[in-house]
Amino acid sequence: MYANRAAKVIDQAGHSFNYGLRSIYFSLSALAWFIDPILFMVASVVVMLVMKHREFHSKVLKALQEC
C-alpha cells in the first residue's frame, strides 16, 4: 500500500520535472523572438528536434525495449 502511494508520488514528480524542462527549452527559443521572428521559428524547430531525439532515440528507451 505504502509502496503504491510512493510510486504514484514519484511518477507525478517525474512528469512535473519533464514538463518543467520542456518549458525551459521553449522559453529559451521564445527569447530568440526578441531578436528576430525567423530566429524564433528556427529555435523552436531545433528545440522540437532535440526533444524528439531525447524522447524516441535515447539509450534508456532502447534498453527498455530490449526487455
N, C-alpha and C. Protein backbone atom coordinates (compact mmCIF):
# COMPACT_ATOMS: atom_id res chain seq x y z
N MET A 1 0.83 -1.19 0.00
CA MET A 1 0.00 0.00 0.00
C MET A 1 0.88 1.26 0.00
N TYR A 2 1.83 1.30 0.93
CA TYR A 2 2.73 2.45 1.00
C TYR A 2 3.57 2.56 -0.26
N ALA A 3 4.01 1.43 -0.78
CA ALA A 3 4.85 1.43 -1.98
C ALA A 3 4.07 1.96 -3.18
N ASN A 4 2.80 1.63 -3.29
CA ASN A 4 1.97 2.14 -4.40
C ASN A 4 1.81 3.65 -4.33
N ARG A 5 1.58 4.17 -3.13
CA ARG A 5 1.44 5.62 -2.98
C ARG A 5 2.75 6.33 -3.26
N ALA A 6 3.85 5.75 -2.80
CA ALA A 6 5.16 6.35 -3.07
C ALA A 6 5.46 6.33 -4.56
N ALA A 7 5.09 5.25 -5.24
CA ALA A 7 5.31 5.16 -6.68
C ALA A 7 4.50 6.22 -7.42
N LYS A 8 3.27 6.47 -6.99
CA LYS A 8 2.45 7.50 -7.63
C LYS A 8 3.06 8.88 -7.45
N VAL A 9 3.56 9.16 -6.25
CA VAL A 9 4.18 10.46 -5.98
C VAL A 9 5.43 10.63 -6.83
N ILE A 10 6.24 9.60 -6.90
CA ILE A 10 7.47 9.66 -7.70
C ILE A 10 7.13 9.81 -9.18
N ASP A 11 6.08 9.13 -9.65
CA ASP A 11 5.66 9.26 -11.05
C ASP A 11 5.22 10.68 -11.36
N GLN A 12 4.43 11.27 -10.47
CA GLN A 12 4.00 12.65 -10.67
C GLN A 12 5.18 13.62 -10.64
N ALA A 13 6.13 13.36 -9.77
CA ALA A 13 7.31 14.22 -9.71
C ALA A 13 8.10 14.14 -11.00
N GLY A 14 8.22 12.95 -11.57
CA GLY A 14 8.92 12.79 -12.84
C GLY A 14 8.23 13.53 -13.97
N HIS A 15 6.90 13.44 -14.01
CA HIS A 15 6.16 14.15 -15.05
C HIS A 15 6.31 15.67 -14.89
N SER A 16 6.23 16.15 -13.66
CA SER A 16 6.37 17.58 -13.43
C SER A 16 7.76 18.06 -13.81
N PHE A 17 8.77 17.28 -13.49
CA PHE A 17 10.14 17.64 -13.86
C PHE A 17 10.29 17.70 -15.37
N ASN A 18 9.70 16.73 -16.07
CA ASN A 18 9.78 16.69 -17.53
C ASN A 18 9.08 17.91 -18.14
N TYR A 19 7.91 18.26 -17.63
CA TYR A 19 7.20 19.44 -18.14
C TYR A 19 7.99 20.71 -17.86
N GLY A 20 8.64 20.77 -16.71
CA GLY A 20 9.45 21.93 -16.38
C GLY A 20 10.62 22.10 -17.34
N LEU A 21 11.28 20.98 -17.66
CA LEU A 21 12.39 21.06 -18.61
C LEU A 21 11.91 21.50 -19.98
N ARG A 22 10.77 20.98 -20.42
CA ARG A 22 10.24 21.40 -21.72
C ARG A 22 9.92 22.89 -21.73
N SER A 23 9.37 23.39 -20.64
CA SER A 23 9.04 24.82 -20.62
C SER A 23 10.31 25.66 -20.65
N ILE A 24 11.38 25.20 -20.01
CA ILE A 24 12.64 25.94 -20.07
C ILE A 24 13.18 25.94 -21.49
N TYR A 25 13.15 24.79 -22.16
CA TYR A 25 13.65 24.72 -23.53
C TYR A 25 12.88 25.68 -24.44
N PHE A 26 11.55 25.67 -24.33
CA PHE A 26 10.76 26.54 -25.19
C PHE A 26 10.87 28.01 -24.79
N SER A 27 11.12 28.28 -23.52
CA SER A 27 11.31 29.68 -23.14
C SER A 27 12.61 30.22 -23.72
N LEU A 28 13.62 29.37 -23.83
CA LEU A 28 14.86 29.82 -24.46
C LEU A 28 14.64 30.13 -25.94
N SER A 29 13.83 29.30 -26.60
CA SER A 29 13.55 29.62 -28.01
C SER A 29 12.67 30.87 -28.11
N ALA A 30 11.81 31.10 -27.13
CA ALA A 30 10.97 32.30 -27.16
C ALA A 30 11.81 33.57 -26.98
N LEU A 31 12.92 33.46 -26.27
CA LEU A 31 13.80 34.63 -26.14
C LEU A 31 14.37 35.05 -27.49
N ALA A 32 14.50 34.10 -28.40
CA ALA A 32 15.01 34.43 -29.73
C ALA A 32 14.03 35.34 -30.48
N TRP A 33 12.77 35.34 -30.07
CA TRP A 33 11.77 36.17 -30.72
C TRP A 33 12.11 37.66 -30.59
N PHE A 34 12.77 38.02 -29.49
CA PHE A 34 13.15 39.42 -29.31
C PHE A 34 14.21 39.85 -30.30
N ILE A 35 14.95 38.90 -30.83
CA ILE A 35 15.99 39.21 -31.80
C ILE A 35 15.42 39.26 -33.21
N ASP A 36 14.70 38.16 -33.57
CA ASP A 36 14.15 38.08 -34.93
C ASP A 36 13.08 36.99 -34.96
N PRO A 37 11.94 37.22 -35.60
CA PRO A 37 10.90 36.19 -35.66
C PRO A 37 11.36 34.91 -36.38
N ILE A 38 12.19 35.06 -37.39
CA ILE A 38 12.68 33.89 -38.10
C ILE A 38 13.58 33.05 -37.18
N LEU A 39 14.38 33.72 -36.38
CA LEU A 39 15.23 33.03 -35.42
C LEU A 39 14.38 32.29 -34.40
N PHE A 40 13.26 32.87 -34.01
CA PHE A 40 12.33 32.20 -33.09
C PHE A 40 11.80 30.91 -33.70
N MET A 41 11.43 30.96 -34.97
CA MET A 41 10.91 29.75 -35.62
C MET A 41 11.99 28.69 -35.74
N VAL A 42 13.18 29.10 -36.10
CA VAL A 42 14.29 28.15 -36.21
C VAL A 42 14.60 27.55 -34.85
N ALA A 43 14.65 28.37 -33.82
CA ALA A 43 14.94 27.87 -32.48
C ALA A 43 13.86 26.92 -31.99
N SER A 44 12.60 27.20 -32.31
CA SER A 44 11.51 26.31 -31.91
C SER A 44 11.63 24.96 -32.59
N VAL A 45 11.98 24.96 -33.86
CA VAL A 45 12.15 23.69 -34.58
C VAL A 45 13.34 22.91 -34.01
N VAL A 46 14.41 23.61 -33.70
CA VAL A 46 15.57 22.93 -33.11
C VAL A 46 15.21 22.32 -31.77
N VAL A 47 14.47 23.05 -30.95
CA VAL A 47 14.04 22.52 -29.65
C VAL A 47 13.17 21.28 -29.84
N MET A 48 12.24 21.32 -30.79
CA MET A 48 11.39 20.16 -31.02
C MET A 48 12.20 18.96 -31.50
N LEU A 49 13.18 19.19 -32.35
CA LEU A 49 14.01 18.08 -32.83
C LEU A 49 14.85 17.49 -31.69
N VAL A 50 15.38 18.34 -30.85
CA VAL A 50 16.15 17.84 -29.70
C VAL A 50 15.26 17.04 -28.76
N MET A 51 14.07 17.54 -28.49
CA MET A 51 13.16 16.81 -27.60
C MET A 51 12.72 15.48 -28.23
N LYS A 52 12.48 15.47 -29.53
CA LYS A 52 12.11 14.23 -30.21
C LYS A 52 13.24 13.22 -30.10
N HIS A 53 14.46 13.68 -30.30
CA HIS A 53 15.60 12.79 -30.21
C HIS A 53 15.73 12.24 -28.79
N ARG A 54 15.56 13.09 -27.79
CA ARG A 54 15.68 12.66 -26.40
C ARG A 54 14.56 11.71 -26.00
N GLU A 55 13.37 11.87 -26.58
CA GLU A 55 12.23 11.02 -26.22
C GLU A 55 12.26 9.67 -26.92
N PHE A 56 12.57 9.66 -28.21
CA PHE A 56 12.38 8.47 -29.01
C PHE A 56 13.66 7.77 -29.47
N HIS A 57 14.81 8.34 -29.20
CA HIS A 57 16.06 7.74 -29.65
C HIS A 57 17.10 7.68 -28.53
N SER A 58 16.64 7.62 -27.29
CA SER A 58 17.57 7.62 -26.17
C SER A 58 18.08 6.20 -25.88
N LYS A 59 19.20 6.13 -25.21
CA LYS A 59 19.77 4.84 -24.82
C LYS A 59 18.87 4.14 -23.81
N VAL A 60 18.23 4.92 -22.96
CA VAL A 60 17.34 4.34 -21.95
C VAL A 60 16.15 3.67 -22.62
N LEU A 61 15.56 4.30 -23.61
CA LEU A 61 14.43 3.72 -24.32
C LEU A 61 14.84 2.42 -25.02
N LYS A 62 16.00 2.43 -25.65
CA LYS A 62 16.48 1.20 -26.30
C LYS A 62 16.70 0.10 -25.29
N ALA A 63 17.22 0.43 -24.12
CA ALA A 63 17.43 -0.58 -23.08
C ALA A 63 16.10 -1.14 -22.58
N LEU A 64 15.09 -0.28 -22.46
CA LEU A 64 13.78 -0.74 -22.01
C LEU A 64 13.10 -1.61 -23.07
N GLN A 65 13.32 -1.32 -24.32
CA GLN A 65 12.71 -2.10 -25.40
C GLN A 65 13.34 -3.47 -25.55
N GLU A 66 14.58 -3.64 -25.07
CA GLU A 66 15.24 -4.93 -25.17
C GLU A 66 14.65 -5.94 -24.20
N CYS A 67 14.03 -5.48 -23.12
CA CYS A 67 13.49 -6.40 -22.11
C CYS A 67 12.31 -7.17 -22.60
